[in-house]
Each structure stands twice: as C-alpha cells, then as structure tokens.
Amino acid sequence: MAAEIQVRRARLKDAQAIADFVNRARLGKPPVTPENVAERFGQIGFLLAEVEEQPVGLVGWQVENLVIRVSDFLLAPTVDRMAAGQALISAMEEEGQALLCEVSMLFLPLNPSPELVAYWQAFGYEQRTVAALPKVWRQVVAEAHLATESVMVKQLREDLIRKPF
C-alpha cells in the first residue's frame, strides 16, 4: 500500500526543505536558495504535499479580486502525479472557497501540450481564451503581465459577485 499524501500550509521555516525539493525536481535549472523561497512567501502562499514528512509536491497561489491564481506547481518525478495533484489542488480550492473565491485560474504557456491541458481537465478545469473571461477575471490576467492567450479555469462559485461588498 502506498504511503498517504498529506497536504499542509508551508511555513517560512520550510524554506530550506522547499528549496531542496525544487532543486531535486528541476535538475539542470538554476538553483533556488532558501532566501529565494523566503522572498516568495511575501508574494504567495504555498501548500506542500508530503509523504512521510518529505515534500513530494508544491503549489504556490495567491488571491486577488476573488480569483485564485496558481503561480507555482511542481511534483516530484517519483510521486503519483494524479494523486498528489488532486491533493494539492483540492486543498488550494478549499482555502479559496473559504475566501469566497469565484474561480481558480492557471496561466498556460503559449501552445500548451495536449498532455498539460488534459492533466488540468482531469481536475475539472477547462481551457478558455482570455477574451472569453468575465471582465474582472481578464483584469487578473492583464495584471500578471504574461503573454498568454488561454488559461485553465475552474469556477468555484455559481453566484459571481458583480458589486463590491
């Protein structure tokens, strides 16, 4: 029987473990330092997926205008990608729903692979063009300053907020 995946909020004291995990998972890329990770904590929240207290996955996210924006997503090559992804994404969406978020959004690279799109579709996300999004959601994309024509979105609430509280 495979060990159970646990998801928890990352803390600043996890910066070294996160840097080590990222560097192991992204061999051949410039190394990430604990200081780089600590700096990111000022901008985004992290959730860690762990097996036996060892990191096997990471999602970085932030909320703006009731929109969750996934900024980082990384899984260990040895972990069950579907199980770890589901655990991380579900935990992130639950936290977003507690904050009354309308949607979870992931920016895609230009010309995303069919495998990447299918992976996120397995978790209930759908690919949409930026132009087809509601105005507030388009603003979140514009403020990210990324060259993207489509995003993966999962609507978390049926009742979209049209006026400020």
Foldseek 3Di string as FASTA:
>chain_A
DAFDKDKDWDDLVCLQLVQVQVCQQDPPDPGDHSVNVNVCVVPWTKMFIDGPPHGFWMWTWDDDPLEIETDDTTGHPPDDCLNSVLNRVVVVLVVSVVVVRFKYKYFDDPPHDPVVQVSVVVNVWHKDFLVPDPPVSNVVVVVVVDPGGIMTMHTSDPDDDPDDD
